[in-house]
Amino acid sequence: SGLQGVLLGTALGVVTPGGAFVSFALAAGAMQAGATTPAMVAYLTSWALFALTKVIAEELAFLGPHFLLRRVAVTVPIPVLTGAMALIVSGL
């Protein structure tokens, strides 16, 4: 799946609701179904940084929109970069 899998994992991490028990279980199931490690690295990184349920319910509510926008602007490339690094390490 290469870079497409990394980008898909990044996008899905943003929209995955729930806590770590949900996202890690989904990642494990996806890997058993054939998802690549780089895609799941990007997915879990994206979920940890941008899960909408956490961003809206916690970060926006407590820290405000200015902080949120700055933090997102700085961290947007991180899931893709970690997935790309996993691609390089795994040799896919």
PDB file of N, CA and C in Angstrom:
ATOM      1  N   SER A   1       0.824  -1.197   0.000  1.00  0.00           N
ATOM      2  CA  SER A   1       0.000   0.000   0.000  1.00  0.00           C
ATOM      3  C   SER A   1       0.863   1.254   0.000  1.00  0.00           C
ATOM      4  N   GLY A   2       2.066   1.208   0.503  1.00  0.00           N
ATOM      5  CA  GLY A   2       3.007   2.316   0.404  1.00  0.00           C
ATOM      6  C   GLY A   2       2.476   3.634   0.921  1.00  0.00           C
ATOM      7  N   LEU A   3       2.754   4.679   0.156  1.00  0.00           N
ATOM      8  CA  LEU A   3       2.373   6.023   0.569  1.00  0.00           C
ATOM      9  C   LEU A   3       0.852   6.180   0.621  1.00  0.00           C
ATOM     10  N   GLN A   4       0.129   5.502  -0.274  1.00  0.00           N
ATOM     11  CA  GLN A   4      -1.341   5.576  -0.226  1.00  0.00           C
ATOM     12  C   GLN A   4      -1.871   5.032   1.090  1.00  0.00           C
ATOM     13  N   GLY A   5      -1.302   3.947   1.577  1.00  0.00           N
ATOM     14  CA  GLY A   5      -1.711   3.388   2.863  1.00  0.00           C
ATOM     15  C   GLY A   5      -1.397   4.319   4.010  1.00  0.00           C
ATOM     16  N   VAL A   6      -0.248   4.982   3.939  1.00  0.00           N
ATOM     17  CA  VAL A   6       0.129   5.952   4.973  1.00  0.00           C
ATOM     18  C   VAL A   6      -0.863   7.112   4.988  1.00  0.00           C
ATOM     19  N   LEU A   7      -1.212   7.618   3.813  1.00  0.00           N
ATOM     20  CA  LEU A   7      -2.174   8.727   3.740  1.00  0.00           C
ATOM     21  C   LEU A   7      -3.558   8.302   4.208  1.00  0.00           C
ATOM     22  N   LEU A   8      -3.963   7.091   3.848  1.00  0.00           N
ATOM     23  CA  LEU A   8      -5.260   6.585   4.308  1.00  0.00           C
ATOM     24  C   LEU A   8      -5.255   6.393   5.820  1.00  0.00           C
ATOM     25  N   GLY A   9      -4.192   5.817   6.348  1.00  0.00           N
ATOM     26  CA  GLY A   9      -4.080   5.654   7.796  1.00  0.00           C
ATOM     27  C   GLY A   9      -4.131   6.989   8.515  1.00  0.00           C
ATOM     28  N   THR A  10      -3.472   7.994   7.953  1.00  0.00           N
ATOM     29  CA  THR A  10      -3.485   9.339   8.538  1.00  0.00           C
ATOM     30  C   THR A  10      -4.903   9.889   8.576  1.00  0.00           C
ATOM     31  N   ALA A  11      -5.626   9.764   7.476  1.00  0.00           N
ATOM     32  CA  ALA A  11      -6.995  10.282   7.410  1.00  0.00           C
ATOM     33  C   ALA A  11      -7.926   9.539   8.364  1.00  0.00           C
ATOM     34  N   LEU A  12      -7.785   8.234   8.436  1.00  0.00           N
ATOM     35  CA  LEU A  12      -8.672   7.456   9.305  1.00  0.00           C
ATOM     36  C   LEU A  12      -8.391   7.698  10.779  1.00  0.00           C
ATOM     37  N   GLY A  13      -7.157   8.000  11.114  1.00  0.00           N
ATOM     38  CA  GLY A  13      -6.827   8.297  12.509  1.00  0.00           C
ATOM     39  C   GLY A  13      -7.555   9.523  13.018  1.00  0.00           C
ATOM     40  N   VAL A  14      -7.763  10.489  12.149  1.00  0.00           N
ATOM     41  CA  VAL A  14      -8.450  11.723  12.540  1.00  0.00           C
ATOM     42  C   VAL A  14      -9.904  11.449  12.914  1.00  0.00           C
ATOM     43  N   VAL A  15     -10.553  10.563  12.199  1.00  0.00           N
ATOM     44  CA  VAL A  15     -11.993  10.366  12.391  1.00  0.00           C
ATOM     45  C   VAL A  15     -12.345   9.189  13.292  1.00  0.00           C
ATOM     46  N   THR A  16     -11.348   8.498  13.840  1.00  0.00           N
ATOM     47  CA  THR A  16     -11.640   7.368  14.723  1.00  0.00           C
ATOM     48  C   THR A  16     -12.080   7.872  16.089  1.00  0.00           C
ATOM     49  N   PRO A  17     -13.297   7.547  16.503  1.00  0.00           N
ATOM     50  CA  PRO A  17     -13.750   7.977  17.828  1.00  0.00           C
ATOM     51  C   PRO A  17     -13.254   7.016  18.906  1.00  0.00           C
ATOM     52  N   GLY A  18     -13.268   7.473  20.122  1.00  0.00           N
ATOM     53  CA  GLY A  18     -12.946   6.598  21.242  1.00  0.00           C
ATOM     54  C   GLY A  18     -11.514   6.715  21.712  1.00  0.00           C
ATOM     55  N   GLY A  19     -11.211   5.949  22.726  1.00  0.00           N
ATOM     56  CA  GLY A  19      -9.902   5.994  23.352  1.00  0.00           C
ATOM     57  C   GLY A  19      -8.941   4.980  22.769  1.00  0.00           C
ATOM     58  N   ALA A  20      -7.873   4.758  23.515  1.00  0.00           N
ATOM     59  CA  ALA A  20      -6.802   3.876  23.063  1.00  0.00           C
ATOM     60  C   ALA A  20      -7.285   2.443  22.858  1.00  0.00           C
ATOM     61  N   PHE A  21      -8.217   1.983  23.686  1.00  0.00           N
ATOM     62  CA  PHE A  21      -8.710   0.614  23.524  1.00  0.00           C
ATOM     63  C   PHE A  21      -9.373   0.432  22.164  1.00  0.00           C
ATOM     64  N   VAL A  22     -10.012   1.461  21.664  1.00  0.00           N
ATOM     65  CA  VAL A  22     -10.664   1.391  20.352  1.00  0.00           C
ATOM     66  C   VAL A  22      -9.632   1.461  19.236  1.00  0.00           C
ATOM     67  N   SER A  23      -8.781   2.478  19.270  1.00  0.00           N
ATOM     68  CA  SER A  23      -7.857   2.688  18.154  1.00  0.00           C
ATOM     69  C   SER A  23      -6.816   1.581  18.049  1.00  0.00           C
ATOM     70  N   PHE A  24      -6.290   1.106  19.174  1.00  0.00           N
ATOM     71  CA  PHE A  24      -5.306   0.035  19.106  1.00  0.00           C
ATOM     72  C   PHE A  24      -5.948  -1.280  18.669  1.00  0.00           C
ATOM     73  N   ALA A  25      -7.171  -1.528  19.089  1.00  0.00           N
ATOM     74  CA  ALA A  25      -7.876  -2.734  18.645  1.00  0.00           C
ATOM     75  C   ALA A  25      -8.152  -2.672  17.140  1.00  0.00           C
ATOM     76  N   LEU A  26      -8.554  -1.506  16.645  1.00  0.00           N
ATOM     77  CA  LEU A  26      -8.783  -1.348  15.207  1.00  0.00           C
ATOM     78  C   LEU A  26      -7.482  -1.534  14.426  1.00  0.00           C
ATOM     79  N   ALA A  27      -6.385  -0.990  14.935  1.00  0.00           N
ATOM     80  CA  ALA A  27      -5.093  -1.144  14.259  1.00  0.00           C
ATOM     81  C   ALA A  27      -4.669  -2.612  14.226  1.00  0.00           C
ATOM     82  N   ALA A  28      -4.850  -3.306  15.337  1.00  0.00           N
ATOM     83  CA  ALA A  28      -4.491  -4.728  15.388  1.00  0.00           C
ATOM     84  C   ALA A  28      -5.347  -5.535  14.407  1.00  0.00           C
ATOM     85  N   GLY A  29      -6.636  -5.246  14.372  1.00  0.00           N
ATOM     86  CA  GLY A  29      -7.523  -5.933  13.429  1.00  0.00           C
ATOM     87  C   GLY A  29      -7.171  -5.627  11.987  1.00  0.00           C
ATOM     88  N   ALA A  30      -6.834  -4.376  11.713  1.00  0.00           N
ATOM     89  CA  ALA A  30      -6.451  -3.995  10.351  1.00  0.00           C
ATOM     90  C   ALA A  30      -5.169  -4.707   9.927  1.00  0.00           C
ATOM     91  N   MET A  31      -4.226  -4.841  10.854  1.00  0.00           N
ATOM     92  CA  MET A  31      -2.984  -5.536  10.517  1.00  0.00           C
ATOM     93  C   MET A  31      -3.242  -7.020  10.269  1.00  0.00           C
ATOM     94  N   GLN A  32      -4.134  -7.617  11.040  1.00  0.00           N
ATOM     95  CA  GLN A  32      -4.483  -9.018  10.803  1.00  0.00           C
ATOM     96  C   GLN A  32      -5.174  -9.189   9.459  1.00  0.00           C
ATOM     97  N   ALA A  33      -5.867  -8.137   9.017  1.00  0.00           N
ATOM     98  CA  ALA A  33      -6.558  -8.192   7.728  1.00  0.00           C
ATOM     99  C   ALA A  33      -5.654  -7.817   6.560  1.00  0.00           C
ATOM    100  N   GLY A  34      -4.396  -7.437   6.848  1.00  0.00           N
ATOM    101  CA  GLY A  34      -3.452  -7.173   5.771  1.00  0.00           C
ATOM    102  C   GLY A  34      -2.917  -5.763   5.669  1.00  0.00           C
ATOM    103  N   ALA A  35      -3.306  -4.867   6.577  1.00  0.00           N
ATOM    104  CA  ALA A  35      -2.757  -3.506   6.541  1.00  0.00           C
ATOM    105  C   ALA A  35      -1.269  -3.548   6.866  1.00  0.00           C
ATOM    106  N   THR A  36      -0.531  -2.623   6.313  1.00  0.00           N
ATOM    107  CA  THR A  36       0.909  -2.599   6.527  1.00  0.00           C
ATOM    108  C   THR A  36       1.264  -1.872   7.825  1.00  0.00           C
ATOM    109  N   THR A  37       2.430  -2.179   8.340  1.00  0.00           N
ATOM    110  CA  THR A  37       2.908  -1.512   9.546  1.00  0.00           C
ATOM    111  C   THR A  37       3.025   0.003   9.342  1.00  0.00           C
ATOM    112  N   PRO A  38       3.593   0.495   8.230  1.00  0.00           N
ATOM    113  CA  PRO A  38       3.667   1.947   8.051  1.00  0.00           C
ATOM    114  C   PRO A  38       2.295   2.633   8.071  1.00  0.00           C
ATOM    115  N   ALA A  39       1.294   1.988   7.482  1.00  0.00           N
ATOM    116  CA  ALA A  39      -0.053   2.570   7.494  1.00  0.00           C
ATOM    117  C   ALA A  39      -0.588   2.650   8.913  1.00  0.00           C
ATOM    118  N   MET A  40      -0.314   1.638   9.726  1.00  0.00           N
ATOM    119  CA  MET A  40      -0.806   1.644  11.101  1.00  0.00           C
ATOM    120  C   MET A  40      -0.005   2.599  11.989  1.00  0.00           C
ATOM    121  N   VAL A  41       1.270   2.784  11.684  1.00  0.00           N
ATOM    122  CA  VAL A  41       2.061   3.790  12.403  1.00  0.00           C
ATOM    123  C   VAL A  41       1.459   5.173  12.150  1.00  0.00           C
ATOM    124  N   ALA A  42       1.152   5.470  10.883  1.00  0.00           N
ATOM    125  CA  ALA A  42       0.534   6.750  10.539  1.00  0.00           C
ATOM    126  C   ALA A  42      -0.848   6.878  11.181  1.00  0.00           C
ATOM    127  N   TYR A  43      -1.622   5.804  11.162  1.00  0.00           N
ATOM    128  CA  TYR A  43      -2.959   5.812  11.758  1.00  0.00           C
ATOM    129  C   TYR A  43      -2.906   6.134  13.251  1.00  0.00           C
ATOM    130  N   LEU A  44      -2.065   5.424  13.982  1.00  0.00           N
ATOM    131  CA  LEU A  44      -2.002   5.631  15.436  1.00  0.00           C
ATOM    132  C   LEU A  44      -1.423   6.998  15.780  1.00  0.00           C
ATOM    133  N   THR A  45      -0.457   7.457  15.007  1.00  0.00           N
ATOM    134  CA  THR A  45       0.095   8.789  15.243  1.00  0.00           C
ATOM    135  C   THR A  45      -0.961   9.856  14.978  1.00  0.00           C
ATOM    136  N   SER A  46      -1.677   9.706  13.888  1.00  0.00           N
ATOM    137  CA  SER A  46      -2.739  10.647  13.549  1.00  0.00           C
ATOM    138  C   SER A  46      -3.839  10.638  14.604  1.00  0.00           C
ATOM    139  N   TRP A  47      -4.221   9.450  15.041  1.00  0.00           N
ATOM    140  CA  TRP A  47      -5.253   9.363  16.083  1.00  0.00           C
ATOM    141  C   TRP A  47      -4.786  10.067  17.355  1.00  0.00           C
ATOM    142  N   ALA A  48      -3.535   9.836  17.749  1.00  0.00           N
ATOM    143  CA  ALA A  48      -3.019  10.441  18.975  1.00  0.00           C
ATOM    144  C   ALA A  48      -2.964  11.965  18.878  1.00  0.00           C
ATOM    145  N   LEU A  49      -2.691  12.490  17.700  1.00  0.00           N
ATOM    146  CA  LEU A  49      -2.550  13.938  17.549  1.00  0.00           C
ATOM    147  C   LEU A  49      -3.846  14.658  17.200  1.00  0.00           C
ATOM    148  N   PHE A  50      -4.723  14.013  16.427  1.00  0.00           N
ATOM    149  CA  PHE A  50      -5.833  14.746  15.822  1.00  0.00           C
ATOM    150  C   PHE A  50      -7.223  14.149  15.976  1.00  0.00           C
ATOM    151  N   ALA A  51      -7.417  13.109  16.757  1.00  0.00           N
ATOM    152  CA  ALA A  51      -8.756  12.502  16.866  1.00  0.00           C
ATOM    153  C   ALA A  51      -9.788  13.589  17.180  1.00  0.00           C
ATOM    154  N   LEU A  52     -10.767  13.709  16.302  1.00  0.00           N
ATOM    155  CA  LEU A  52     -11.732  14.807  16.428  1.00  0.00           C
ATOM    156  C   LEU A  52     -12.450  14.819  17.765  1.00  0.00           C
ATOM    157  N   THR A  53     -12.740  13.649  18.311  1.00  0.00           N
ATOM    158  CA  THR A  53     -13.456  13.627  19.591  1.00  0.00           C
ATOM    159  C   THR A  53     -12.615  14.262  20.691  1.00  0.00           C
ATOM    160  N   LYS A  54     -11.312  14.031  20.683  1.00  0.00           N
ATOM    161  CA  LYS A  54     -10.434  14.644  21.691  1.00  0.00           C
ATOM    162  C   LYS A  54     -10.213  16.126  21.397  1.00  0.00           C
ATOM    163  N   VAL A  55     -10.002  16.444  20.141  1.00  0.00           N
ATOM    164  CA  VAL A  55      -9.717  17.825  19.771  1.00  0.00           C
ATOM    165  C   VAL A  55     -10.892  18.728  20.104  1.00  0.00           C
ATOM    166  N   ILE A  56     -12.094  18.311  19.746  1.00  0.00           N
ATOM    167  CA  ILE A  56     -13.270  19.152  19.978  1.00  0.00           C
ATOM    168  C   ILE A  56     -13.663  19.167  21.448  1.00  0.00           C
ATOM    169  N   ALA A  57     -13.772  17.996  22.051  1.00  0.00           N
ATOM    170  CA  ALA A  57     -14.282  17.914  23.423  1.00  0.00           C
ATOM    171  C   ALA A  57     -13.289  18.431  24.455  1.00  0.00           C
ATOM    172  N   GLU A  58     -12.020  18.256  24.223  1.00  0.00           N
ATOM    173  CA  GLU A  58     -11.046  18.608  25.248  1.00  0.00           C
ATOM    174  C   GLU A  58     -10.198  19.813  24.856  1.00  0.00           C
ATOM    175  N   GLU A  59      -9.456  19.678  23.788  1.00  0.00           N
ATOM    176  CA  GLU A  59      -8.487  20.709  23.451  1.00  0.00           C
ATOM    177  C   GLU A  59      -9.139  22.045  23.106  1.00  0.00           C
ATOM    178  N   LEU A  60     -10.122  22.022  22.239  1.00  0.00           N
ATOM    179  CA  LEU A  60     -10.806  23.262  21.872  1.00  0.00           C
ATOM    180  C   LEU A  60     -11.516  23.875  23.074  1.00  0.00           C
ATOM    181  N   ALA A  61     -12.165  23.034  23.855  1.00  0.00           N
ATOM    182  CA  ALA A  61     -12.920  23.525  25.006  1.00  0.00           C
ATOM    183  C   ALA A  61     -12.025  24.137  26.081  1.00  0.00           C
ATOM    184  N   PHE A  62     -10.899  23.508  26.351  1.00  0.00           N
ATOM    185  CA  PHE A  62     -10.052  23.961  27.453  1.00  0.00           C
ATOM    186  C   PHE A  62      -8.963  24.951  27.034  1.00  0.00           C
ATOM    187  N   LEU A  63      -8.437  24.798  25.829  1.00  0.00           N
ATOM    188  CA  LEU A  63      -7.291  25.617  25.429  1.00  0.00           C
ATOM    189  C   LEU A  63      -7.633  26.687  24.402  1.00  0.00           C
ATOM    190  N   GLY A  64      -8.784  26.559  23.763  1.00  0.00           N
ATOM    191  CA  GLY A  64      -9.239  27.587  22.837  1.00  0.00           C
ATOM    192  C   GLY A  64      -8.784  27.383  21.403  1.00  0.00           C
ATOM    193  N   PRO A  65      -9.440  28.107  20.486  1.00  0.00           N
ATOM    194  CA  PRO A  65      -9.171  27.916  19.061  1.00  0.00           C
ATOM    195  C   PRO A  65      -7.784  28.391  18.619  1.00  0.00           C
ATOM    196  N   HIS A  66      -7.266  29.437  19.222  1.00  0.00           N
ATOM    197  CA  HIS A  66      -5.957  29.947  18.800  1.00  0.00           C
ATOM    198  C   HIS A  66      -4.862  28.922  19.070  1.00  0.00           C
ATOM    199  N   PHE A  67      -4.879  28.340  20.259  1.00  0.00           N
ATOM    200  CA  PHE A  67      -3.896  27.315  20.581  1.00  0.00           C
ATOM    201  C   PHE A  67      -4.070  26.111  19.658  1.00  0.00           C
ATOM    202  N   LEU A  68      -5.305  25.672  19.483  1.00  0.00           N
ATOM    203  CA  LEU A  68      -5.580  24.498  18.646  1.00  0.00           C
ATOM    204  C   LEU A  68      -5.065  24.690  17.224  1.00  0.00           C
ATOM    205  N   LEU A  69      -5.355  25.821  16.617  1.00  0.00           N
ATOM    206  CA  LEU A  69      -4.918  26.070  15.245  1.00  0.00           C
ATOM    207  C   LEU A  69      -3.403  26.106  15.128  1.00  0.00           C
ATOM    208  N   ARG A  70      -2.741  26.713  16.080  1.00  0.00           N
ATOM    209  CA  ARG A  70      -1.276  26.742  16.057  1.00  0.00           C
ATOM    210  C   ARG A  70      -0.699  25.345  16.231  1.00  0.00           C
ATOM    211  N   ARG A  71      -1.244  24.590  17.163  1.00  0.00           N
ATOM    212  CA  ARG A  71      -0.743  23.242  17.416  1.00  0.00           C
ATOM    213  C   ARG A  71      -0.955  22.342  16.201  1.00  0.00           C
ATOM    214  N   VAL A  72      -2.106  22.431  15.583  1.00  0.00           N
ATOM    215  CA  VAL A  72      -2.386  21.625  14.401  1.00  0.00           C
ATOM    216  C   VAL A  72      -1.473  22.041  13.246  1.00  0.00           C
ATOM    217  N   ALA A  73      -1.260  23.332  13.055  1.00  0.00           N
ATOM    218  CA  ALA A  73      -0.398  23.804  11.972  1.00  0.00           C
ATOM    219  C   ALA A  73       1.019  23.246  12.108  1.00  0.00           C
ATOM    220  N   VAL A  74       1.502  23.126  13.331  1.00  0.00           N
ATOM    221  CA  VAL A  74       2.856  22.636  13.555  1.00  0.00           C
ATOM    222  C   VAL A  74       2.937  21.119  13.406  1.00  0.00           C
ATOM    223  N   THR A  75       1.883  20.406  13.776  1.00  0.00           N
ATOM    224  CA  THR A  75       1.955  18.948  13.851  1.00  0.00           C
ATOM    225  C   THR A  75       1.333  18.215  12.659  1.00  0.00           C
ATOM    226  N   VAL A  76       0.765  18.923  11.699  1.00  0.00           N
ATOM    227  CA  VAL A  76       0.108  18.268  10.554  1.00  0.00           C
ATOM    228  C   VAL A  76       1.004  17.257   9.835  1.00  0.00           C
ATOM    229  N   PRO A  77       2.264  17.558   9.561  1.00  0.00           N
ATOM    230  CA  PRO A  77       3.055  16.589   8.793  1.00  0.00           C
ATOM    231  C   PRO A  77       3.523  15.365   9.584  1.00  0.00           C
ATOM    232  N   ILE A  78       3.398  15.374  10.881  1.00  0.00           N
ATOM    233  CA  ILE A  78       4.000  14.314  11.695  1.00  0.00           C
ATOM    234  C   ILE A  78       3.481  12.913  11.372  1.00  0.00           C
ATOM    235  N   PRO A  79       2.169  12.661  11.258  1.00  0.00           N
ATOM    236  CA  PRO A  79       1.730  11.293  10.934  1.00  0.00           C
ATOM    237  C   PRO A  79       2.277  10.773   9.604  1.00  0.00           C
ATOM    238  N   VAL A  80       2.324  11.642   8.597  1.00  0.00           N
ATOM    239  CA  VAL A  80       2.848  11.210   7.297  1.00  0.00           C
ATOM    240  C   VAL A  80       4.348  10.940   7.400  1.00  0.00           C
ATOM    241  N   LEU A  81       5.051  11.792   8.140  1.00  0.00           N
ATOM    242  CA  LEU A  81       6.495  11.582   8.306  1.00  0.00           C
ATOM    243  C   LEU A  81       6.799  10.295   9.061  1.00  0.00           C
ATOM    244  N   THR A  82       6.043  10.004  10.118  1.00  0.00           N
ATOM    245  CA  THR A  82       6.300   8.767  10.851  1.00  0.00           C
ATOM    246  C   THR A  82       5.964   7.548   9.995  1.00  0.00           C
ATOM    247  N   GLY A  83       4.882   7.646   9.217  1.00  0.00           N
ATOM    248  CA  GLY A  83       4.543   6.552   8.302  1.00  0.00           C
ATOM    249  C   GLY A  83       5.610   6.364   7.239  1.00  0.00           C
ATOM    250  N   ALA A  84       6.141   7.467   6.718  1.00  0.00           N
ATOM    251  CA  ALA A  84       7.204   7.395   5.710  1.00  0.00           C
ATOM    252  C   ALA A  84       8.475   6.784   6.308  1.00  0.00           C
ATOM    253  N   MET A  85       8.791   7.154   7.531  1.00  0.00           N
ATOM    254  CA  MET A  85       9.955   6.569   8.186  1.00  0.00           C
ATOM    255  C   MET A  85       9.753   5.064   8.392  1.00  0.00           C
ATOM    256  N   ALA A  86       8.537   4.675   8.732  1.00  0.00           N
ATOM    257  CA  ALA A  86       8.245   3.254   8.889  1.00  0.00           C
ATOM    258  C   ALA A  86       8.350   2.534   7.544  1.00  0.00           C
ATOM    259  N   LEU A  87       7.976   3.206   6.458  1.00  0.00           N
ATOM    260  CA  LEU A  87       8.148   2.626   5.114  1.00  0.00           C
ATOM    261  C   LEU A  87       9.631   2.359   4.836  1.00  0.00           C
ATOM    262  N   ILE A  88      10.460   3.321   5.174  1.00  0.00           N
ATOM    263  CA  ILE A  88      11.899   3.187   4.926  1.00  0.00           C
ATOM    264  C   ILE A  88      12.487   2.052   5.771  1.00  0.00           C
ATOM    265  N   VAL A  89      12.116   2.021   7.049  1.00  0.00           N
ATOM    266  CA  VAL A  89      12.660   1.006   7.959  1.00  0.00           C
ATOM    267  C   VAL A  89      12.196  -0.397   7.565  1.00  0.00           C
ATOM    268  N   SER A  90      10.928  -0.499   7.164  1.00  0.00           N
ATOM    269  CA  SER A  90      10.398  -1.818   6.823  1.00  0.00           C
ATOM    270  C   SER A  90      10.762  -2.247   5.408  1.00  0.00           C
ATOM    271  N   GLY A  91      11.249  -1.318   4.595  1.00  0.00           N
ATOM    272  CA  GLY A  91      11.657  -1.656   3.240  1.00  0.00           C
ATOM    273  C   GLY A  91      10.520  -1.920   2.279  1.00  0.00           C
ATOM    274  N   LEU A  92       9.327  -1.373   2.576  1.00  0.00           N
ATOM    275  CA  LEU A  92       8.183  -1.586   1.684  1.00  0.00           C
ATOM    276  C   LEU A  92       8.166  -0.603   0.541  1.00  0.00           C
TER     277      LEU A  92
END
